[in-house]
Amino acid sequence: MRSKQGVVVSKSGAKTIVVKVETSRQHPKYKKRYMVNTKFHAHDEKNECKVGDKVTIYETRPLSRLKRWSVEAPKETTK
């Protein structure tokens, strides 16, 4: 089961959050590293995450049209 760490950037409805995950990639020709941001819609069953929280999400079965991830637990607030 895959998991990722990111920051909550939005609460987009009941029990749904949007998590921004930063990863670094390397250019195939020039070998320079650069950052790539990806947003994932995640299921927050207890509705306890706030914008700015660091969270860990893990892969689950499809829960809706966009949600394929669930939240483990919020770590801390970055505000």
PDB file of N, CA and C in Angstrom:
ATOM      1  N   MET A   1       0.848  -1.172   0.000  1.00  0.00           N
ATOM      2  CA  MET A   1       0.000   0.000   0.000  1.00  0.00           C
ATOM      3  C   MET A   1       0.900   1.243   0.000  1.00  0.00           C
ATOM      4  N   ARG A   2       0.699   2.101  -0.979  1.00  0.00           N
ATOM      5  CA  ARG A   2       1.518   3.310  -1.096  1.00  0.00           C
ATOM      6  C   ARG A   2       1.031   4.366  -0.106  1.00  0.00           C
ATOM      7  N   SER A   3       1.967   5.178   0.362  1.00  0.00           N
ATOM      8  CA  SER A   3       1.600   6.306   1.212  1.00  0.00           C
ATOM      9  C   SER A   3       2.448   7.508   0.811  1.00  0.00           C
ATOM     10  N   LYS A   4       1.910   8.694   1.084  1.00  0.00           N
ATOM     11  CA  LYS A   4       2.582   9.943   0.755  1.00  0.00           C
ATOM     12  C   LYS A   4       2.348  10.926   1.887  1.00  0.00           C
ATOM     13  N   GLN A   5       3.257  11.896   2.020  1.00  0.00           N
ATOM     14  CA  GLN A   5       3.106  12.951   3.017  1.00  0.00           C
ATOM     15  C   GLN A   5       2.938  14.274   2.310  1.00  0.00           C
ATOM     16  N   GLY A   6       2.052  15.105   2.851  1.00  0.00           N
ATOM     17  CA  GLY A   6       1.820  16.399   2.230  1.00  0.00           C
ATOM     18  C   GLY A   6       1.144  17.352   3.190  1.00  0.00           C
ATOM     19  N   VAL A   7       0.705  18.481   2.638  1.00  0.00           N
ATOM     20  CA  VAL A   7       0.079  19.546   3.417  1.00  0.00           C
ATOM     21  C   VAL A   7      -1.336  19.756   2.891  1.00  0.00           C
ATOM     22  N   VAL A   8      -2.281  19.924   3.812  1.00  0.00           N
ATOM     23  CA  VAL A   8      -3.668  20.175   3.433  1.00  0.00           C
ATOM     24  C   VAL A   8      -3.770  21.600   2.896  1.00  0.00           C
ATOM     25  N   VAL A   9      -4.267  21.745   1.668  1.00  0.00           N
ATOM     26  CA  VAL A   9      -4.403  23.071   1.066  1.00  0.00           C
ATOM     27  C   VAL A   9      -5.852  23.512   0.958  1.00  0.00           C
ATOM     28  N   SER A  10      -6.802  22.568   1.107  1.00  0.00           N
ATOM     29  CA  SER A  10      -8.202  22.930   0.957  1.00  0.00           C
ATOM     30  C   SER A  10      -9.085  21.877   1.607  1.00  0.00           C
ATOM     31  N   LYS A  11     -10.239  22.335   2.104  1.00  0.00           N
ATOM     32  CA  LYS A  11     -11.297  21.419   2.524  1.00  0.00           C
ATOM     33  C   LYS A  11     -12.401  21.588   1.495  1.00  0.00           C
ATOM     34  N   SER A  12     -12.579  20.579   0.659  1.00  0.00           N
ATOM     35  CA  SER A  12     -13.473  20.754  -0.488  1.00  0.00           C
ATOM     36  C   SER A  12     -14.810  20.064  -0.304  1.00  0.00           C
ATOM     37  N   GLY A  13     -15.293  19.976   0.913  1.00  0.00           N
ATOM     38  CA  GLY A  13     -16.600  19.377   1.139  1.00  0.00           C
ATOM     39  C   GLY A  13     -16.584  18.550   2.402  1.00  0.00           C
ATOM     40  N   ALA A  14     -17.692  17.853   2.650  1.00  0.00           N
ATOM     41  CA  ALA A  14     -17.793  17.027   3.845  1.00  0.00           C
ATOM     42  C   ALA A  14     -16.890  15.809   3.699  1.00  0.00           C
ATOM     43  N   LYS A  15     -15.961  15.646   4.628  1.00  0.00           N
ATOM     44  CA  LYS A  15     -15.055  14.504   4.702  1.00  0.00           C
ATOM     45  C   LYS A  15     -14.088  14.410   3.520  1.00  0.00           C
ATOM     46  N   THR A  16     -13.817  15.523   2.862  1.00  0.00           N
ATOM     47  CA  THR A  16     -12.877  15.530   1.737  1.00  0.00           C
ATOM     48  C   THR A  16     -11.879  16.669   1.930  1.00  0.00           C
ATOM     49  N   ILE A  17     -10.609  16.360   1.734  1.00  0.00           N
ATOM     50  CA  ILE A  17      -9.567  17.377   1.780  1.00  0.00           C
ATOM     51  C   ILE A  17      -8.710  17.253   0.530  1.00  0.00           C
ATOM     52  N   VAL A  18      -7.994  18.327   0.214  1.00  0.00           N
ATOM     53  CA  VAL A  18      -7.047  18.325  -0.893  1.00  0.00           C
ATOM     54  C   VAL A  18      -5.658  18.447  -0.286  1.00  0.00           C
ATOM     55  N   VAL A  19      -4.778  17.503  -0.637  1.00  0.00           N
ATOM     56  CA  VAL A  19      -3.436  17.441  -0.076  1.00  0.00           C
ATOM     57  C   VAL A  19      -2.426  17.705  -1.183  1.00  0.00           C
ATOM     58  N   LYS A  20      -1.498  18.655  -0.936  1.00  0.00           N
ATOM     59  CA  LYS A  20      -0.433  18.948  -1.892  1.00  0.00           C
ATOM     60  C   LYS A  20       0.817  18.179  -1.484  1.00  0.00           C
ATOM     61  N   VAL A  21       1.340  17.375  -2.411  1.00  0.00           N
ATOM     62  CA  VAL A  21       2.532  16.569  -2.163  1.00  0.00           C
ATOM     63  C   VAL A  21       3.638  17.080  -3.070  1.00  0.00           C
ATOM     64  N   GLU A  22       4.801  17.401  -2.475  1.00  0.00           N
ATOM     65  CA  GLU A  22       5.962  17.862  -3.242  1.00  0.00           C
ATOM     66  C   GLU A  22       6.924  16.702  -3.449  1.00  0.00           C
ATOM     67  N   THR A  23       7.347  16.491  -4.684  1.00  0.00           N
ATOM     68  CA  THR A  23       8.360  15.493  -4.983  1.00  0.00           C
ATOM     69  C   THR A  23       9.426  16.142  -5.855  1.00  0.00           C
ATOM     70  N   SER A  24      10.626  15.595  -5.823  1.00  0.00           N
ATOM     71  CA  SER A  24      11.683  16.122  -6.674  1.00  0.00           C
ATOM     72  C   SER A  24      11.941  15.139  -7.806  1.00  0.00           C
ATOM     73  N   ARG A  25      12.181  15.687  -8.969  1.00  0.00           N
ATOM     74  CA  ARG A  25      12.487  14.882 -10.147  1.00  0.00           C
ATOM     75  C   ARG A  25      13.783  15.378 -10.753  1.00  0.00           C
ATOM     76  N   GLN A  26      14.361  14.550 -11.605  1.00  0.00           N
ATOM     77  CA  GLN A  26      15.605  14.922 -12.266  1.00  0.00           C
ATOM     78  C   GLN A  26      15.354  14.990 -13.765  1.00  0.00           C
ATOM     79  N   HIS A  27      15.840  16.074 -14.377  1.00  0.00           N
ATOM     80  CA  HIS A  27      15.682  16.243 -15.813  1.00  0.00           C
ATOM     81  C   HIS A  27      16.473  15.142 -16.530  1.00  0.00           C
ATOM     82  N   PRO A  28      15.879  14.482 -17.518  1.00  0.00           N
ATOM     83  CA  PRO A  28      16.558  13.349 -18.156  1.00  0.00           C
ATOM     84  C   PRO A  28      17.845  13.714 -18.893  1.00  0.00           C
ATOM     85  N   LYS A  29      17.892  14.907 -19.481  1.00  0.00           N
ATOM     86  CA  LYS A  29      19.086  15.287 -20.241  1.00  0.00           C
ATOM     87  C   LYS A  29      20.073  16.101 -19.409  1.00  0.00           C
ATOM     88  N   TYR A  30      19.564  17.125 -18.704  1.00  0.00           N
ATOM     89  CA  TYR A  30      20.440  18.069 -18.020  1.00  0.00           C
ATOM     90  C   TYR A  30      20.753  17.688 -16.575  1.00  0.00           C
ATOM     91  N   LYS A  31      20.060  16.678 -16.037  1.00  0.00           N
ATOM     92  CA  LYS A  31      20.317  16.130 -14.704  1.00  0.00           C
ATOM     93  C   LYS A  31      20.056  17.105 -13.561  1.00  0.00           C
ATOM     94  N   LYS A  32      19.380  18.207 -13.828  1.00  0.00           N
ATOM     95  CA  LYS A  32      19.058  19.146 -12.761  1.00  0.00           C
ATOM     96  C   LYS A  32      17.808  18.663 -12.026  1.00  0.00           C
ATOM     97  N   ARG A  33      17.827  18.822 -10.703  1.00  0.00           N
ATOM     98  CA  ARG A  33      16.665  18.454  -9.905  1.00  0.00           C
ATOM     99  C   ARG A  33      15.695  19.630  -9.829  1.00  0.00           C
ATOM    100  N   TYR A  34      14.387  19.313  -9.866  1.00  0.00           N
ATOM    101  CA  TYR A  34      13.361  20.325  -9.739  1.00  0.00           C
ATOM    102  C   TYR A  34      12.183  19.745  -8.968  1.00  0.00           C
ATOM    103  N   MET A  35      11.399  20.639  -8.368  1.00  0.00           N
ATOM    104  CA  MET A  35      10.275  20.222  -7.541  1.00  0.00           C
ATOM    105  C   MET A  35       8.997  20.177  -8.368  1.00  0.00           C
ATOM    106  N   VAL A  36       8.186  19.162  -8.094  1.00  0.00           N
ATOM    107  CA  VAL A  36       6.900  18.991  -8.754  1.00  0.00           C
ATOM    108  C   VAL A  36       5.829  18.890  -7.674  1.00  0.00           C
ATOM    109  N   ASN A  37       4.756  19.683  -7.808  1.00  0.00           N
ATOM    110  CA  ASN A  37       3.636  19.631  -6.867  1.00  0.00           C
ATOM    111  C   ASN A  37       2.497  18.841  -7.480  1.00  0.00           C
ATOM    112  N   THR A  38       1.893  17.962  -6.687  1.00  0.00           N
ATOM    113  CA  THR A  38       0.736  17.195  -7.119  1.00  0.00           C
ATOM    114  C   THR A  38      -0.331  17.293  -6.049  1.00  0.00           C
ATOM    115  N   LYS A  39      -1.580  17.467  -6.457  1.00  0.00           N
ATOM    116  CA  LYS A  39      -2.682  17.545  -5.508  1.00  0.00           C
ATOM    117  C   LYS A  39      -3.486  16.245  -5.549  1.00  0.00           C
ATOM    118  N   PHE A  40      -3.819  15.741  -4.360  1.00  0.00           N
ATOM    119  CA  PHE A  40      -4.618  14.530  -4.233  1.00  0.00           C
ATOM    120  C   PHE A  40      -5.848  14.844  -3.392  1.00  0.00           C
ATOM    121  N   HIS A  41      -7.006  14.327  -3.807  1.00  0.00           N
ATOM    122  CA  HIS A  41      -8.216  14.406  -2.997  1.00  0.00           C
ATOM    123  C   HIS A  41      -8.207  13.204  -2.073  1.00  0.00           C
ATOM    124  N   ALA A  42      -8.389  13.445  -0.777  1.00  0.00           N
ATOM    125  CA  ALA A  42      -8.315  12.376   0.203  1.00  0.00           C
ATOM    126  C   ALA A  42      -9.549  12.375   1.092  1.00  0.00           C
ATOM    127  N   HIS A  43      -9.888  11.195   1.593  1.00  0.00           N
ATOM    128  CA  HIS A  43     -11.045  11.003   2.461  1.00  0.00           C
ATOM    129  C   HIS A  43     -10.630  11.211   3.910  1.00  0.00           C
ATOM    130  N   ASP A  44     -11.316  12.111   4.608  1.00  0.00           N
ATOM    131  CA  ASP A  44     -11.063  12.395   6.014  1.00  0.00           C
ATOM    132  C   ASP A  44     -12.301  11.972   6.800  1.00  0.00           C
ATOM    133  N   GLU A  45     -12.310  10.731   7.287  1.00  0.00           N
ATOM    134  CA  GLU A  45     -13.498  10.151   7.910  1.00  0.00           C
ATOM    135  C   GLU A  45     -13.975  10.946   9.125  1.00  0.00           C
ATOM    136  N   LYS A  46     -13.060  11.379   9.993  1.00  0.00           N
ATOM    137  CA  LYS A  46     -13.438  12.087  11.214  1.00  0.00           C
ATOM    138  C   LYS A  46     -13.591  13.587  11.011  1.00  0.00           C
ATOM    139  N   ASN A  47     -13.264  14.077   9.825  1.00  0.00           N
ATOM    140  CA  ASN A  47     -13.402  15.496   9.479  1.00  0.00           C
ATOM    141  C   ASN A  47     -12.599  16.374  10.446  1.00  0.00           C
ATOM    142  N   GLU A  48     -11.369  15.947  10.781  1.00  0.00           N
ATOM    143  CA  GLU A  48     -10.576  16.656  11.781  1.00  0.00           C
ATOM    144  C   GLU A  48      -9.409  17.445  11.207  1.00  0.00           C
ATOM    145  N   CYS A  49      -9.108  17.321   9.931  1.00  0.00           N
ATOM    146  CA  CYS A  49      -7.976  18.029   9.325  1.00  0.00           C
ATOM    147  C   CYS A  49      -8.349  19.469   9.007  1.00  0.00           C
ATOM    148  N   LYS A  50      -7.376  20.352   9.187  1.00  0.00           N
ATOM    149  CA  LYS A  50      -7.561  21.764   8.861  1.00  0.00           C
ATOM    150  C   LYS A  50      -6.542  22.161   7.801  1.00  0.00           C
ATOM    151  N   VAL A  51      -6.761  23.282   7.147  1.00  0.00           N
ATOM    152  CA  VAL A  51      -5.830  23.789   6.151  1.00  0.00           C
ATOM    153  C   VAL A  51      -4.507  24.102   6.840  1.00  0.00           C
ATOM    154  N   GLY A  52      -3.408  23.599   6.277  1.00  0.00           N
ATOM    155  CA  GLY A  52      -2.084  23.818   6.838  1.00  0.00           C
ATOM    156  C   GLY A  52      -1.546  22.631   7.610  1.00  0.00           C
ATOM    157  N   ASP A  53      -2.371  21.628   7.898  1.00  0.00           N
ATOM    158  CA  ASP A  53      -1.909  20.444   8.629  1.00  0.00           C
ATOM    159  C   ASP A  53      -1.029  19.577   7.739  1.00  0.00           C
ATOM    160  N   LYS A  54       0.014  18.984   8.337  1.00  0.00           N
ATOM    161  CA  LYS A  54       0.801  17.967   7.643  1.00  0.00           C
ATOM    162  C   LYS A  54       0.116  16.633   7.866  1.00  0.00           C
ATOM    163  N   VAL A  55      -0.142  15.897   6.795  1.00  0.00           N
ATOM    164  CA  VAL A  55      -0.850  14.627   6.908  1.00  0.00           C
ATOM    165  C   VAL A  55      -0.129  13.549   6.103  1.00  0.00           C
ATOM    166  N   THR A  56      -0.420  12.315   6.450  1.00  0.00           N
ATOM    167  CA  THR A  56       0.020  11.161   5.675  1.00  0.00           C
ATOM    168  C   THR A  56      -1.216  10.545   5.066  1.00  0.00           C
ATOM    169  N   ILE A  57      -1.180  10.323   3.748  1.00  0.00           N
ATOM    170  CA  ILE A  57      -2.313   9.701   3.071  1.00  0.00           C
ATOM    171  C   ILE A  57      -1.877   8.343   2.535  1.00  0.00           C
ATOM    172  N   TYR A  58      -2.817   7.431   2.430  1.00  0.00           N
ATOM    173  CA  TYR A  58      -2.519   6.112   1.894  1.00  0.00           C
ATOM    174  C   TYR A  58      -3.562   5.738   0.850  1.00  0.00           C
ATOM    175  N   GLU A  59      -3.174   4.876  -0.053  1.00  0.00           N
ATOM    176  CA  GLU A  59      -3.994   4.497  -1.185  1.00  0.00           C
ATOM    177  C   GLU A  59      -5.111   3.549  -0.742  1.00  0.00           C
ATOM    178  N   THR A  60      -6.328   3.785  -1.255  1.00  0.00           N
ATOM    179  CA  THR A  60      -7.468   2.927  -0.952  1.00  0.00           C
ATOM    180  C   THR A  60      -8.236   2.642  -2.233  1.00  0.00           C
ATOM    181  N   ARG A  61      -9.315   1.922  -2.082  1.00  0.00           N
ATOM    182  CA  ARG A  61     -10.194   1.673  -3.234  1.00  0.00           C
ATOM    183  C   ARG A  61     -10.843   2.996  -3.647  1.00  0.00           C
ATOM    184  N   PRO A  62     -11.378   3.089  -4.864  1.00  0.00           N
ATOM    185  CA  PRO A  62     -12.057   4.324  -5.273  1.00  0.00           C
ATOM    186  C   PRO A  62     -13.264   4.613  -4.376  1.00  0.00           C
ATOM    187  N   LEU A  63     -13.280   5.796  -3.771  1.00  0.00           N
ATOM    188  CA  LEU A  63     -14.374   6.191  -2.891  1.00  0.00           C
ATOM    189  C   LEU A  63     -15.359   7.123  -3.584  1.00  0.00           C
ATOM    190  N   SER A  64     -14.909   7.844  -4.594  1.00  0.00           N
ATOM    191  CA  SER A  64     -15.768   8.712  -5.401  1.00  0.00           C
ATOM    192  C   SER A  64     -15.053   8.960  -6.722  1.00  0.00           C
ATOM    193  N   ARG A  65     -15.526   9.932  -7.479  1.00  0.00           N
ATOM    194  CA  ARG A  65     -14.932  10.192  -8.784  1.00  0.00           C
ATOM    195  C   ARG A  65     -13.477  10.610  -8.685  1.00  0.00           C
ATOM    196  N   LEU A  66     -13.100  11.367  -7.651  1.00  0.00           N
ATOM    197  CA  LEU A  66     -11.736  11.865  -7.513  1.00  0.00           C
ATOM    198  C   LEU A  66     -10.964  11.244  -6.351  1.00  0.00           C
ATOM    199  N   LYS A  67     -11.658  10.703  -5.352  1.00  0.00           N
ATOM    200  CA  LYS A  67     -10.981  10.248  -4.133  1.00  0.00           C
ATOM    201  C   LYS A  67     -10.475   8.817  -4.270  1.00  0.00           C
ATOM    202  N   ARG A  68      -9.138   8.669  -4.189  1.00  0.00           N
ATOM    203  CA  ARG A  68      -8.493   7.355  -4.205  1.00  0.00           C
ATOM    204  C   ARG A  68      -7.541   7.203  -3.026  1.00  0.00           C
ATOM    205  N   TRP A  69      -7.544   8.174  -2.097  1.00  0.00           N
ATOM    206  CA  TRP A  69      -6.627   8.204  -0.959  1.00  0.00           C
ATOM    207  C   TRP A  69      -7.414   8.475   0.317  1.00  0.00           C
ATOM    208  N   SER A  70      -6.886   8.008   1.451  1.00  0.00           N
ATOM    209  CA  SER A  70      -7.479   8.275   2.758  1.00  0.00           C
ATOM    210  C   SER A  70      -6.413   8.834   3.695  1.00  0.00           C
ATOM    211  N   VAL A  71      -6.865   9.553   4.724  1.00  0.00           N
ATOM    212  CA  VAL A  71      -5.951  10.194   5.661  1.00  0.00           C
ATOM    213  C   VAL A  71      -5.688   9.267   6.832  1.00  0.00           C
ATOM    214  N   GLU A  72      -4.408   9.138   7.222  1.00  0.00           N
ATOM    215  CA  GLU A  72      -4.059   8.375   8.426  1.00  0.00           C
ATOM    216  C   GLU A  72      -4.356   9.226   9.662  1.00  0.00           C
ATOM    217  N   ALA A  73      -3.610  10.329   9.827  1.00  0.00           N
ATOM    218  CA  ALA A  73      -3.817  11.215  10.969  1.00  0.00           C
ATOM    219  C   ALA A  73      -3.086  12.513  10.703  1.00  0.00           C
ATOM    220  N   PRO A  74      -3.641  13.642  11.163  1.00  0.00           N
ATOM    221  CA  PRO A  74      -2.892  14.897  11.018  1.00  0.00           C
ATOM    222  C   PRO A  74      -1.700  14.927  11.959  1.00  0.00           C
ATOM    223  N   LYS A  75      -0.572  15.460  11.494  1.00  0.00           N
ATOM    224  CA  LYS A  75       0.658  15.488  12.294  1.00  0.00           C
ATOM    225  C   LYS A  75       0.738  16.775  13.100  1.00  0.00           C
ATOM    226  N   GLU A  76       0.746  17.915  12.426  1.00  0.00           N
ATOM    227  CA  GLU A  76       0.906  19.200  13.108  1.00  0.00           C
ATOM    228  C   GLU A  76       0.417  20.308  12.207  1.00  0.00           C
ATOM    229  N   THR A  77       0.222  21.474  12.757  1.00  0.00           N
ATOM    230  CA  THR A  77      -0.188  22.632  11.981  1.00  0.00           C
ATOM    231  C   THR A  77       1.043  23.442  11.607  1.00  0.00           C
ATOM    232  N   THR A  78       1.099  23.884  10.339  1.00  0.00           N
ATOM    233  CA  THR A  78       2.278  24.602   9.860  1.00  0.00           C
ATOM    234  C   THR A  78       2.043  26.107   9.841  1.00  0.00           C
ATOM    235  N   LYS A  79       0.948  26.603  10.411  1.00  0.00           N
ATOM    236  CA  LYS A  79       0.680  28.044  10.395  1.00  0.00           C
ATOM    237  C   LYS A  79       1.550  28.783  11.350  1.00  0.00           C
TER     238      LYS A  79
END
